[in-house]
Protein backbone atom coordinates (compact mmCIF):
# COMPACT_ATOMS: atom_id res chain seq x y z
CA MET A 1 -5.66 33.16 8.39
CA ASN A 2 -6.86 31.17 11.40
CA VAL A 3 -6.64 27.55 10.29
CA THR A 4 -8.62 25.18 12.50
CA ARG A 5 -10.31 21.79 12.21
CA GLU A 6 -13.62 23.68 11.90
CA LEU A 7 -12.38 25.22 8.65
CA PHE A 8 -12.30 21.71 7.16
CA ASP A 9 -16.08 21.43 7.48
CA GLU A 10 -16.53 24.81 5.77
CA VAL A 11 -14.25 24.28 2.77
CA MET A 12 -13.73 20.55 2.15
CA VAL A 13 -15.97 17.93 0.52
CA PRO A 14 -17.27 15.75 3.39
CA ASN A 15 -15.85 12.41 2.19
CA TYR A 16 -13.31 12.43 5.06
CA ASN A 17 -13.81 12.88 8.78
CA PRO A 18 -10.35 13.82 10.09
CA ALA A 19 -9.27 13.93 13.71
CA ALA A 20 -9.88 17.04 15.81
CA MET A 21 -6.17 17.82 16.06
CA VAL A 22 -4.26 19.27 13.10
CA PRO A 23 -0.67 18.00 12.64
CA VAL A 24 1.80 20.71 11.61
CA ARG A 25 5.26 19.17 11.91
CA GLY A 26 6.95 15.77 11.90
CA LYS A 27 10.42 14.43 12.61
CA GLY A 28 11.24 10.74 12.40
CA SER A 29 8.35 8.85 14.00
CA ARG A 30 7.06 11.80 16.05
CA VAL A 31 4.46 14.36 14.95
CA TRP A 32 3.36 17.63 16.58
CA ASP A 33 -0.05 19.31 16.33
CA GLN A 34 -1.01 22.99 16.38
CA GLU A 35 -0.91 23.02 20.19
CA GLY A 36 2.60 21.53 20.26
CA THR A 37 1.36 18.16 21.54
CA GLU A 38 3.62 15.30 20.45
CA TYR A 39 2.32 12.05 18.92
CA VAL A 40 4.06 8.75 18.18
CA ASP A 41 3.34 7.72 14.59
CA PHE A 42 2.41 4.05 14.12
CA ALA A 43 0.37 4.90 10.98
CA GLY A 44 3.06 6.18 8.60
CA GLY A 45 0.48 7.99 6.48
CA ILE A 46 -0.96 4.53 5.66
CA ALA A 47 2.36 2.77 4.96
CA VAL A 48 3.70 5.78 3.05
CA ASN A 49 6.25 7.50 5.32
CA ALA A 50 8.52 4.48 5.27
CA LEU A 51 11.52 6.55 6.38
CA GLY A 52 9.57 8.66 8.86
CA HIS A 53 8.95 12.38 8.55
CA CYS A 54 11.50 14.79 7.08
CA HIS A 55 14.30 12.26 6.66
CA PRO A 56 17.38 14.48 6.14
CA GLU A 57 18.59 12.67 3.01
CA LEU A 58 15.16 12.95 1.38
CA VAL A 59 14.90 16.63 2.32
CA ASN A 60 18.31 17.25 0.72
CA VAL A 61 17.40 15.47 -2.52
CA LEU A 62 14.11 17.36 -2.73
CA LYS A 63 15.88 20.69 -2.27
CA GLU A 64 18.58 19.85 -4.81
CA GLN A 65 16.14 18.67 -7.48
CA GLY A 66 13.85 21.60 -6.67
CA GLU A 67 16.60 23.93 -7.88
CA LYS A 68 17.01 22.00 -11.18
CA LEU A 69 13.79 20.72 -12.83
CA TRP A 70 10.31 20.25 -11.40
CA HIS A 71 8.28 19.14 -14.36
CA LEU A 72 8.49 18.31 -18.05
CA SER A 73 5.85 16.80 -20.24
CA ASN A 74 6.42 13.23 -21.43
CA VAL A 75 7.41 14.70 -24.79
CA PHE A 76 10.78 14.60 -22.98
CA THR A 77 12.35 12.13 -20.59
CA ASN A 78 14.51 13.10 -17.60
CA GLU A 79 17.52 11.78 -15.70
CA PRO A 80 15.86 11.03 -12.31
CA ALA A 81 13.11 8.99 -14.00
CA LEU A 82 15.62 6.96 -16.00
CA ARG A 83 17.85 6.34 -12.98
CA LEU A 84 14.86 5.22 -10.89
CA ALA A 85 13.55 2.95 -13.66
CA LYS A 86 16.99 1.37 -14.09
CA LYS A 87 17.20 0.65 -10.36
CA LEU A 88 13.68 -0.81 -10.24
CA THR A 89 14.39 -3.13 -13.17
CA ASP A 90 17.82 -4.13 -11.80
CA LEU A 91 16.30 -5.00 -8.42
CA THR A 92 13.19 -6.91 -9.59
CA PHE A 93 11.93 -9.39 -12.20
CA ALA A 94 10.85 -6.50 -14.44
CA ASP A 95 12.41 -5.06 -17.60
CA ARG A 96 10.10 -2.07 -18.12
CA VAL A 97 8.57 0.65 -15.93
CA TYR A 98 5.62 3.03 -16.31
CA PHE A 99 5.43 5.94 -13.85
CA ALA A 100 2.25 7.42 -12.38
CA ASN A 101 1.36 9.48 -9.29
CA SER A 102 -0.43 6.98 -7.08
CA GLY A 103 -1.22 3.35 -6.47
CA ALA A 104 -4.63 3.64 -8.10
CA GLU A 105 -3.03 5.05 -11.26
CA ALA A 106 -0.40 2.31 -11.31
CA ASN A 107 -3.19 -0.26 -10.98
CA GLU A 108 -5.24 1.43 -13.68
CA ALA A 109 -2.22 1.14 -15.99
CA ALA A 110 -1.74 -2.53 -15.04
CA LEU A 111 -5.37 -3.38 -15.80
CA LYS A 112 -5.38 -1.50 -19.12
CA LEU A 113 -2.12 -3.19 -20.10
CA ALA A 114 -3.51 -6.64 -19.26
CA ARG A 115 -6.60 -6.04 -21.38
CA ARG A 116 -4.55 -4.66 -24.30
CA TRP A 117 -2.01 -7.49 -24.08
CA ALA A 118 -4.79 -10.09 -24.21
CA LEU A 119 -6.44 -8.34 -27.16
CA ASP A 120 -3.13 -8.21 -29.04
CA HIS A 121 -2.30 -11.88 -28.47
CA TYR A 122 -5.63 -13.70 -28.18
CA GLY A 123 -8.53 -11.49 -29.30
CA GLU A 124 -11.51 -9.68 -27.80
CA HIS A 125 -12.98 -12.69 -25.98
CA LYS A 126 -10.06 -12.77 -23.52
CA ASN A 127 -11.09 -9.84 -21.31
CA GLN A 128 -12.10 -11.24 -17.91
CA ILE A 129 -10.32 -9.85 -14.85
CA ILE A 130 -10.47 -11.81 -11.60
CA SER A 131 -9.59 -10.31 -8.23
CA PHE A 132 -10.44 -11.14 -4.64
CA LYS A 133 -13.16 -10.30 -2.14
CA GLN A 134 -12.00 -7.74 0.46
CA GLY A 135 -9.19 -6.73 -1.88
CA PHE A 136 -8.40 -3.06 -2.39
CA HIS A 137 -6.83 -1.58 -5.53
CA GLY A 138 -7.65 2.14 -5.45
CA ARG A 139 -10.55 4.53 -5.94
CA THR A 140 -10.73 5.15 -9.68
CA PHE A 141 -13.87 3.58 -11.12
CA PHE A 142 -11.97 0.73 -12.77
CA THR A 143 -9.76 -0.05 -9.76
CA VAL A 144 -12.58 0.24 -7.25
CA THR A 145 -14.66 -2.18 -9.34
CA VAL A 146 -11.78 -4.65 -9.43
CA GLY A 147 -11.39 -4.14 -5.67
CA GLY A 148 -13.47 -6.58 -3.69
CA GLN A 149 -15.45 -4.26 -1.41
CA ALA A 150 -18.83 -3.38 -2.89
CA ALA A 151 -19.34 -0.59 -0.33
CA TYR A 152 -16.65 1.40 -2.17
CA SER A 153 -17.91 0.75 -5.71
CA ASP A 154 -21.72 0.74 -5.37
CA GLY A 155 -23.78 3.85 -6.05
CA PHE A 156 -21.89 5.32 -8.99
CA GLY A 157 -23.86 3.80 -11.85
CA PRO A 158 -22.95 0.96 -14.22
CA LYS A 159 -19.59 -0.63 -13.43
CA PRO A 160 -16.92 -1.75 -15.89
CA GLY A 161 -17.77 -5.28 -17.00
CA ALA A 162 -15.98 -8.64 -17.11
CA VAL A 163 -14.73 -8.30 -13.52
CA GLU A 164 -15.22 -11.24 -11.13
CA HIS A 165 -14.23 -11.82 -7.50
CA ALA A 166 -12.89 -15.02 -5.95
CA SER A 167 -12.22 -15.63 -2.24
CA TYR A 168 -8.71 -14.96 -0.94
CA ASN A 169 -6.81 -18.06 0.23
CA ASP A 170 -9.46 -20.25 -1.46
CA LEU A 171 -7.95 -21.75 -4.58
CA ALA A 172 -11.12 -23.65 -5.50
CA SER A 173 -13.08 -20.39 -5.75
CA LEU A 174 -10.53 -19.04 -8.25
CA GLU A 175 -10.49 -22.32 -10.17
CA ALA A 176 -14.27 -22.09 -10.57
CA LEU A 177 -14.02 -18.64 -12.21
CA ILE A 178 -10.84 -18.79 -14.29
CA SER A 179 -10.85 -19.87 -17.92
CA ASP A 180 -9.10 -19.18 -21.22
CA ASN A 181 -11.19 -15.97 -21.34
CA THR A 182 -9.36 -14.63 -18.29
CA CYS A 183 -6.79 -11.96 -19.18
CA ALA A 184 -5.53 -11.26 -15.64
CA VAL A 185 -5.76 -12.17 -11.99
CA MET A 186 -5.04 -9.23 -9.68
CA MET A 187 -4.14 -9.77 -6.04
CA GLU A 188 -2.40 -8.21 -3.09
CA PRO A 189 0.41 -10.50 -1.85
CA LEU A 190 -0.73 -9.36 1.61
CA GLN A 191 -4.27 -7.96 1.82
CA GLY A 192 -4.15 -4.52 3.46
CA GLU A 193 -7.50 -2.71 3.67
CA GLY A 194 -9.26 -6.08 3.73
CA GLY A 195 -7.87 -6.92 7.18
CA ILE A 196 -4.11 -7.61 6.96
CA ILE A 197 -4.39 -11.13 5.59
CA SER A 198 -1.32 -13.08 4.42
CA PRO A 199 -1.64 -15.60 1.60
CA THR A 200 -0.86 -19.22 2.34
CA PRO A 201 2.13 -20.56 0.35
CA GLU A 202 -0.15 -23.13 -1.36
CA PHE A 203 -2.62 -20.44 -2.38
CA VAL A 204 -0.15 -18.02 -3.92
CA LYS A 205 1.65 -20.81 -5.81
CA GLY A 206 -1.69 -22.20 -6.96
CA VAL A 207 -2.77 -18.80 -8.30
CA ARG A 208 0.46 -18.60 -10.33
CA GLU A 209 -0.13 -22.11 -11.73
CA LEU A 210 -3.74 -21.37 -12.71
CA CYS A 211 -2.64 -18.18 -14.48
CA ASP A 212 0.00 -20.12 -16.40
CA LYS A 213 -2.50 -22.84 -17.33
CA HIS A 214 -4.96 -20.30 -18.78
CA ASN A 215 -2.44 -17.83 -20.27
CA ALA A 216 -3.60 -15.12 -17.86
CA LEU A 217 -1.32 -12.45 -16.43
CA LEU A 218 -0.72 -12.39 -12.68
CA ILE A 219 -0.79 -8.83 -11.34
CA PHE A 220 0.58 -8.22 -7.85
CA ASP A 221 -0.70 -5.04 -6.24
CA GLU A 222 2.23 -4.23 -3.94
CA VAL A 223 1.12 -0.66 -3.31
CA GLN A 224 0.93 -1.27 0.44
CA ALA A 225 3.08 -4.39 0.86
CA GLY A 226 6.04 -3.29 -1.27
CA VAL A 227 9.24 -1.27 -0.72
CA GLY A 228 10.56 -3.06 2.36
CA ARG A 229 7.29 -3.29 4.28
CA THR A 230 7.44 -7.09 4.70
CA GLY A 231 11.20 -7.24 5.24
CA HIS A 232 11.77 -7.95 1.54
CA LEU A 233 12.17 -5.17 -1.02
CA TYR A 234 8.97 -6.48 -2.61
CA ALA A 235 6.63 -9.00 -0.98
CA TYR A 236 6.75 -11.41 -3.94
CA MET A 237 10.43 -12.03 -3.12
CA GLY A 238 9.42 -13.72 0.12
CA LEU A 239 6.67 -15.82 -1.46
CA GLY A 240 8.60 -17.75 -4.11
CA VAL A 241 6.19 -16.55 -6.81
CA THR A 242 6.93 -13.99 -9.52
CA PRO A 243 4.09 -11.90 -11.01
CA ASP A 244 3.88 -10.71 -14.62
CA ILE A 245 3.00 -7.16 -13.57
CA LEU A 246 3.73 -5.46 -10.24
CA THR A 247 2.40 -2.14 -9.01
CA THR A 248 4.15 -0.02 -6.40
CA ALA A 249 3.43 3.38 -4.81
CA LYS A 250 2.87 4.56 -1.20
CA ALA A 251 6.32 4.01 0.38
CA LEU A 252 8.13 4.37 -2.96
CA GLY A 253 8.19 8.16 -2.57
CA GLY A 254 8.50 8.19 1.21
CA GLY A 255 5.64 10.70 1.27
CA PHE A 256 6.13 12.33 -2.12
CA PRO A 257 3.39 11.17 -4.53
CA ILE A 258 4.64 8.58 -7.02
CA GLY A 259 3.46 5.25 -8.40
CA ALA A 260 4.97 2.76 -10.83
CA MET A 261 3.92 -0.28 -12.82
CA LEU A 262 6.64 -2.85 -13.48
CA THR A 263 6.47 -5.59 -16.10
CA THR A 264 8.44 -7.62 -18.63
CA LYS A 265 9.63 -6.41 -22.02
CA ASP A 266 7.24 -8.67 -23.94
CA ILE A 267 4.11 -7.66 -22.02
CA ALA A 268 5.09 -3.97 -21.98
CA ALA A 269 5.15 -3.97 -25.79
CA SER A 270 1.34 -3.75 -25.80
CA LEU A 271 1.41 -0.23 -24.36
CA LYS A 272 2.81 1.25 -27.54
CA VAL A 273 2.99 5.00 -28.21
CA GLY A 274 -0.31 6.73 -27.50
CA THR A 275 -2.09 3.90 -25.67
CA HIS A 276 -1.72 5.31 -22.15
CA GLY A 277 -0.23 8.34 -20.44
CA SER A 278 0.01 10.69 -17.49
CA THR A 279 0.78 14.41 -17.24
CA TYR A 280 2.82 14.16 -14.06
CA GLY A 281 3.94 10.53 -14.23
CA GLY A 282 7.72 10.28 -13.97
CA ASN A 283 8.23 13.90 -12.99
CA PRO A 284 11.81 14.71 -11.91
CA LEU A 285 10.96 15.80 -8.35
CA ALA A 286 9.10 12.60 -7.48
CA CYS A 287 11.65 10.33 -9.18
CA ALA A 288 14.64 11.99 -7.51
CA VAL A 289 13.08 11.48 -4.08
CA ALA A 290 11.99 7.91 -4.87
CA GLU A 291 15.48 6.96 -6.04
CA LYS A 292 16.88 7.99 -2.64
CA VAL A 293 14.08 6.13 -0.82
CA LEU A 294 14.94 2.97 -2.76
CA ASP A 295 18.67 3.34 -2.05
CA ILE A 296 18.09 3.67 1.70
CA ILE A 297 15.44 0.95 2.09
CA ASN A 298 17.15 -1.62 -0.13
CA SER A 299 19.92 -2.18 2.38
CA PRO A 300 20.50 -5.19 4.65
CA GLU A 301 20.30 -3.07 7.81
CA VAL A 302 16.87 -1.60 6.98
CA LEU A 303 15.36 -4.85 5.66
CA GLU A 304 16.75 -6.95 8.53
CA GLY A 305 15.68 -4.21 10.94
CA VAL A 306 12.08 -4.60 9.78
CA LYS A 307 12.03 -8.21 11.00
CA HIS A 308 13.49 -7.22 14.38
CA LYS A 309 10.97 -4.39 14.79
CA GLU A 310 8.10 -6.70 13.78
CA GLN A 311 9.02 -8.92 16.72
CA LEU A 312 9.04 -5.95 19.10
CA PHE A 313 5.52 -5.08 17.95
CA ARG A 314 4.29 -8.66 18.25
CA ASP A 315 5.78 -9.12 21.71
CA GLY A 316 4.38 -5.79 22.91
CA LEU A 317 0.90 -6.44 21.54
CA MET A 318 0.87 -9.92 23.07
CA ALA A 319 1.85 -8.48 26.45
CA ILE A 320 -1.00 -5.95 26.23
CA ASN A 321 -3.39 -8.72 25.22
CA ALA A 322 -2.31 -10.90 28.14
CA LYS A 323 -3.60 -8.13 30.43
CA TYR A 324 -6.72 -6.99 28.59
CA ASN A 325 -7.79 -9.87 26.32
CA VAL A 326 -9.06 -7.84 23.37
CA PHE A 327 -7.31 -9.48 20.38
CA SER A 328 -7.79 -12.93 18.86
CA GLU A 329 -4.53 -12.76 16.87
CA VAL A 330 -1.90 -10.47 15.36
CA ARG A 331 -1.76 -10.88 11.58
CA GLY A 332 0.51 -9.63 8.83
CA LYS A 333 4.19 -9.53 8.04
CA GLY A 334 7.05 -7.15 8.72
CA LEU A 335 5.74 -3.71 9.64
CA LEU A 336 2.26 -4.18 8.18
CA LEU A 337 0.50 -5.71 11.16
CA GLY A 338 -3.13 -6.09 12.20
CA ALA A 339 -4.37 -6.73 15.73
CA VAL A 340 -7.65 -8.58 15.21
CA LEU A 341 -10.39 -7.85 17.76
CA ASN A 342 -11.92 -10.85 19.51
CA ASP A 343 -15.64 -11.62 19.77
CA ASN A 344 -16.16 -9.25 22.72
CA TYR A 345 -15.01 -6.22 20.70
CA GLN A 346 -16.43 -6.92 17.24
CA GLY A 347 -16.96 -3.84 15.07
CA ARG A 348 -15.08 -1.53 17.43
CA SER A 349 -11.72 -0.93 15.74
CA ARG A 350 -12.49 2.78 15.38
CA ASP A 351 -12.94 3.05 19.18
CA PHE A 352 -9.33 1.88 19.57
CA LEU A 353 -8.16 4.39 16.96
CA VAL A 354 -9.94 7.29 18.68
CA ALA A 355 -8.66 6.23 22.12
CA SER A 356 -5.13 5.98 20.70
CA THR A 357 -5.31 9.52 19.29
CA ALA A 358 -6.43 10.73 22.74
CA GLU A 359 -3.31 9.05 24.16
CA HIS A 360 -1.17 10.85 21.53
CA LEU A 361 -0.62 7.83 19.31
CA MET A 362 -1.44 7.57 15.60
CA VAL A 363 -2.72 4.14 14.46
CA LEU A 364 -4.89 2.87 11.59
CA ILE A 365 -7.76 0.45 11.14
CA ALA A 366 -8.34 -2.18 8.45
CA GLY A 367 -12.07 -2.71 8.54
CA ALA A 368 -14.28 -2.71 11.63
CA ASN A 369 -12.38 -5.48 13.45
CA VAL A 370 -8.67 -4.82 12.90
CA VAL A 371 -6.33 -2.20 14.36
CA ARG A 372 -3.58 -1.69 11.78
CA PHE A 373 0.04 -0.64 12.32
CA ALA A 374 2.20 0.58 9.41
CA PRO A 375 4.97 2.69 10.96
CA SER A 376 8.24 3.90 9.52
CA LEU A 377 10.54 1.01 8.62
CA ILE A 378 13.29 2.74 10.63
CA ILE A 379 11.18 3.71 13.64
CA PRO A 380 13.56 3.69 16.64
CA ASP A 381 13.01 0.82 19.09
CA GLU A 382 12.40 3.35 21.88
CA ASP A 383 9.58 4.92 19.83
CA ILE A 384 8.01 1.47 19.44
CA LYS A 385 8.15 0.97 23.21
CA GLU A 386 6.73 4.43 23.92
CA GLY A 387 3.99 4.00 21.31
CA LEU A 388 3.02 0.61 22.73
CA ALA A 389 2.84 2.13 26.23
CA ARG A 390 0.43 4.72 24.86
CA PHE A 391 -1.51 2.02 23.02
CA GLU A 392 -1.84 0.04 26.25
CA ARG A 393 -3.40 3.09 27.92
CA ALA A 394 -5.80 3.42 24.97
CA VAL A 395 -6.76 -0.25 25.19
CA ALA A 396 -7.35 0.11 28.93
CA LYS A 397 -9.68 3.07 28.28
CA VAL A 398 -11.74 1.12 25.74
CA VAL A 399 -11.91 -1.94 27.99
CA ASN A 400 -12.90 0.08 31.04
CA GLY A 401 -15.50 2.06 29.09
């Protein structure tokens, strides 16, 4: 069969508009298309390929587990899932883990748990969920409603109720909405899709205090910010604030689909037998791979390396900006960075993405005004330098029309 980009338009639902080139192979932070053209990967599959493409240790684990057990129903448990859950609880605040296949599913579980926990302990009136404008929590109808971008949730009929949105980094806006009827506040400890926005220390501590005051659960969506991305295993560890529920996915499987919701023993008790479930959640293939990902990333050399590589990116982007004057700032933490376009280039982030692809570099955007970088956490320094050289050529093309 002749597989081309044109075939996409013939057989796929048109909700995506992928690039003209079709990637066929990856190794580390390099990717090759059908023509054999090589690209530097600064996108990481949207913060997913945290150990690059085809990491040999992950390939080995996948092959080994693939010869043992692929799938069981949750009528049974399995060794990889239990090992992974033990590691996640040992390494975090949590005592209990629920496995799913994606960040949206982990968030769906977190939201259902929060509602059920509030019902169990306080009654039906305590059902309000507060999240933040420009936040992103997935594409299921519940999670997209809780997400703070109406463009993603409008046009599908009546939305789930009792969901309100405050402004990120604006404690007063949360204080105006929160009450004893609030069951949970959901937030990203570093907003991703909304533009790579870090919380101020006062804001994140204030959110925790307001939740405590009103007996509301604090849910941290660490789908994008977690698993080493900020230079900490989980972003909350660098903020001095501990959530009641944490969701993780994306990088957790290094490219293999897996999600998890982490919480305490007492809160977890509300998801008793039969209240929630997943056919594939906790399947042995995904959990075996994720366990290896966790082992590799949760090491001083990888986590310290993230901070060093962040500086290389910041220095390189600042040098490009000194020449071309296109960015107002570089936001974010670790290897989740956003170059924010200045007033002269408002709304043009996609132009920079397209120009980068033409220069054989894969980047991301976070809204119309931010070019986003979420590469492998172990991307070699020389790949960073080469990718930035390609990005500079892309910037020059956009600037020079």
